[in-house]
């Protein structure tokens, strides 16, 4: 995705193994507290659309697992690609784009409460990055939804080569 280059990930911290493990070890309370915070919101239905609260809860479990891996691998390219995909996918399933900053703020608050101060400082820089770039992620998700019709000639050539290879049995 060409737009990934527009997000400057160079300032994101090298997450220490200790911080990544602290985050991972606090998974259950983090998830539970984020779920409580969001379930208390009066605008929850506007944020999650027609989805069940259980769908949101499952998404939080997936969020935690994904972020734990990002912190262990310190792979911010993966973070940007996946977050863009998540924005697009959640929106397609009826979540509002407004859900993301609300959820990210909840994650930030509970991380600050639950993790060691030094560890949470590292982790929170990544969550701040996600919050600060919310609109960029929305834009990238929407751009990714746009039809791409300007490559008709290339597509036709590729389709013809694929068909020839299939007919010839050339896998």
Protein backbone atom coordinates (compact mmCIF):
# COMPACT_ATOMS: atom_id res chain seq x y z
CA UNK A 1 0.00 0.00 0.00
CA UNK A 2 1.61 3.22 -1.09
CA UNK A 3 -0.01 5.31 1.64
CA UNK A 4 1.87 3.47 4.39
CA UNK A 5 4.86 5.64 3.56
CA UNK A 6 2.86 8.72 4.57
CA UNK A 7 2.76 7.50 8.17
CA UNK A 8 6.05 8.15 9.92
CA UNK A 9 6.74 5.09 12.05
CA UNK A 10 10.37 6.04 12.62
CA UNK A 11 9.59 7.69 15.97
CA UNK A 12 7.91 4.61 17.43
CA UNK A 13 9.84 3.01 20.28
CA UNK A 14 11.80 -0.21 20.25
CA UNK A 15 9.55 -2.05 22.71
CA UNK A 16 11.59 -3.87 25.33
CA UNK A 17 10.98 -7.56 25.92
CA UNK A 18 10.03 -6.66 29.49
CA UNK A 19 7.33 -4.22 28.31
CA UNK A 20 5.98 -6.71 25.76
CA UNK A 21 5.81 -9.42 28.43
CA UNK A 22 4.17 -7.06 30.94
CA UNK A 23 1.49 -6.26 28.37
CA UNK A 24 0.97 -9.92 27.56
CA UNK A 25 0.79 -10.99 31.20
CA UNK A 26 -1.95 -8.44 31.89
CA UNK A 27 -4.12 -9.52 28.97
CA UNK A 28 -7.20 -10.71 30.83
CA UNK A 29 -7.58 -7.65 33.08
CA UNK A 30 -6.82 -5.28 30.19
CA UNK A 31 -9.48 -6.86 27.99
CA UNK A 32 -12.01 -6.99 30.83
CA UNK A 33 -11.49 -3.34 31.77
CA UNK A 34 -11.71 -2.14 28.15
CA UNK A 35 -14.93 -4.12 27.72
CA UNK A 36 -16.38 -2.57 30.88
CA UNK A 37 -15.46 0.96 29.76
CA UNK A 38 -17.07 0.55 26.36
CA UNK A 39 -20.16 -1.26 27.64
CA UNK A 40 -20.84 1.68 29.97
CA UNK A 41 -21.04 4.13 27.08
CA UNK A 42 -24.44 5.50 26.16
CA UNK A 43 -23.38 5.73 22.52
CA UNK A 44 -22.24 2.12 22.26
CA UNK A 45 -24.91 1.23 19.69
CA UNK A 46 -23.77 4.10 17.43
CA UNK A 47 -20.18 2.89 17.73
CA UNK A 48 -20.75 -0.81 17.00
CA UNK A 49 -23.81 -0.58 14.76
CA UNK A 50 -26.00 -3.66 14.62
CA UNK A 51 -23.21 -5.86 15.95
CA UNK A 52 -23.63 -7.65 19.23
CA UNK A 53 -21.64 -6.63 22.29
CA UNK A 54 -20.11 -10.12 22.09
CA UNK A 55 -18.69 -9.25 18.66
CA UNK A 56 -17.02 -6.19 20.17
CA UNK A 57 -15.68 -8.30 23.07
CA UNK A 58 -14.21 -10.82 20.62
CA UNK A 59 -12.65 -7.96 18.68
CA UNK A 60 -10.96 -6.76 21.85
CA UNK A 61 -9.48 -10.21 22.42
CA UNK A 62 -8.17 -10.16 18.85
CA UNK A 63 -6.84 -6.64 19.31
CA UNK A 64 -4.94 -7.67 22.42
CA UNK A 65 -3.41 -10.75 20.76
CA UNK A 66 -2.39 -8.79 17.69
CA UNK A 67 -0.84 -5.95 19.68
CA UNK A 68 1.03 -8.41 21.91
CA UNK A 69 2.63 -9.82 18.76
CA UNK A 70 3.42 -6.37 17.36
CA UNK A 71 5.16 -5.50 20.63
CA UNK A 72 7.15 -8.75 20.67
CA UNK A 73 8.14 -8.45 17.01
CA UNK A 74 8.41 -4.64 17.00
CA UNK A 75 6.92 -4.73 13.51
CA UNK A 76 5.30 -1.39 12.82
CA UNK A 77 4.90 -2.02 9.09
CA UNK A 78 2.68 -4.95 10.05
CA UNK A 79 0.83 -2.67 12.47
CA UNK A 80 0.03 -0.08 9.79
CA UNK A 81 -1.05 -2.66 7.20
CA UNK A 82 -3.23 -4.54 9.67
CA UNK A 83 -4.82 -1.48 11.26
CA UNK A 84 -5.79 -0.22 7.81
CA UNK A 85 -7.35 -3.62 7.05
CA UNK A 86 -9.14 -3.63 10.44
CA UNK A 87 -10.63 -0.17 9.82
CA UNK A 88 -11.90 -1.30 6.43
CA UNK A 89 -13.24 -4.62 7.72
CA UNK A 90 -14.91 -3.30 10.87
CA UNK A 91 -16.54 -0.50 8.87
CA UNK A 92 -17.79 -3.04 6.35
CA UNK A 93 -19.38 -4.94 9.25
CA UNK A 94 -21.17 -1.87 10.57
CA UNK A 95 -18.78 -0.38 13.12
CA UNK A 96 -18.44 3.38 13.03
CA UNK A 97 -15.01 4.85 12.38
CA UNK A 98 -15.64 6.72 15.66
CA UNK A 99 -15.34 3.38 17.47
CA UNK A 100 -11.57 3.27 16.97
CA UNK A 101 -10.47 6.37 18.91
CA UNK A 102 -12.93 5.52 21.67
CA UNK A 103 -11.55 1.99 21.97
CA UNK A 104 -7.93 3.14 21.69
CA UNK A 105 -8.44 5.71 24.46
CA UNK A 106 -9.95 2.98 26.66
CA UNK A 107 -6.97 0.71 25.96
CA UNK A 108 -4.60 3.58 26.80
CA UNK A 109 -6.33 4.28 30.09
CA UNK A 110 -6.30 0.68 31.28
CA UNK A 111 -2.71 0.13 30.14
CA UNK A 112 -1.65 3.13 32.18
CA UNK A 113 -3.51 1.71 35.21
CA UNK A 114 -2.36 -1.89 34.92
CA UNK A 115 1.22 -1.91 33.62
CA UNK A 116 4.50 -0.87 35.19
CA UNK A 117 5.13 2.84 34.57
CA UNK A 118 8.23 2.33 32.40
CA UNK A 119 6.59 -0.44 30.40
CA UNK A 120 3.34 1.42 29.91
CA UNK A 121 5.24 4.49 28.67
CA UNK A 122 6.68 2.45 25.79
CA UNK A 123 3.37 0.79 24.94
CA UNK A 124 1.40 4.02 25.18
CA UNK A 125 3.59 5.66 22.52
CA UNK A 126 2.25 3.12 20.05
CA UNK A 127 -1.35 3.73 21.12
CA UNK A 128 -0.76 7.50 20.85
CA UNK A 129 0.52 6.94 17.31
CA UNK A 130 -2.67 5.04 16.46
CA UNK A 131 -4.85 7.78 17.93
CA UNK A 132 -2.93 10.61 16.28
CA UNK A 133 -3.19 8.89 12.91
CA UNK A 134 -6.85 7.89 13.16
CA UNK A 135 -7.89 10.05 10.19
CA UNK A 136 -5.01 8.71 8.08
CA UNK A 137 -6.19 5.16 8.79
CA UNK A 138 -9.74 6.13 7.84
CA UNK A 139 -8.47 7.68 4.61
CA UNK A 140 -6.36 4.62 3.76
CA UNK A 141 -9.25 2.26 4.51
CA UNK A 142 -11.57 4.28 2.29
CA UNK A 143 -8.99 4.54 -0.49
CA UNK A 144 -8.52 0.79 -0.34
CA UNK A 145 -12.29 0.44 -0.95
CA UNK A 146 -12.17 2.49 -4.14
CA UNK A 147 -12.60 0.58 -7.38
CA UNK A 148 -9.44 0.42 -9.44
CA UNK A 149 -10.42 0.52 -13.07
CA UNK A 150 -7.44 2.28 -14.60
CA UNK A 151 -5.45 -0.88 -15.36
CA UNK A 152 -7.68 -2.50 -17.96
CA UNK A 153 -4.84 -3.09 -20.43
CA UNK A 154 -2.55 -4.68 -17.80
CA UNK A 155 -5.41 -6.77 -16.43
CA UNK A 156 -6.33 -8.07 -19.88
CA UNK A 157 -2.70 -9.00 -20.61
CA UNK A 158 -2.35 -10.78 -17.27
CA UNK A 159 -5.63 -12.62 -17.76
CA UNK A 160 -4.55 -13.80 -21.22
CA UNK A 161 -1.20 -15.07 -19.89
CA UNK A 162 -2.95 -16.83 -17.01
CA UNK A 163 -5.42 -18.50 -19.36
CA UNK A 164 -2.61 -19.67 -21.67
CA UNK A 165 -0.68 -21.09 -18.70
CA UNK A 166 -3.76 -22.90 -17.40
CA UNK A 167 -4.55 -24.40 -20.80
CA UNK A 168 -0.93 -25.52 -21.15
CA UNK A 169 -0.99 -27.06 -17.66
CA UNK A 170 1.83 -24.76 -16.54
CA UNK A 171 1.23 -24.29 -12.87
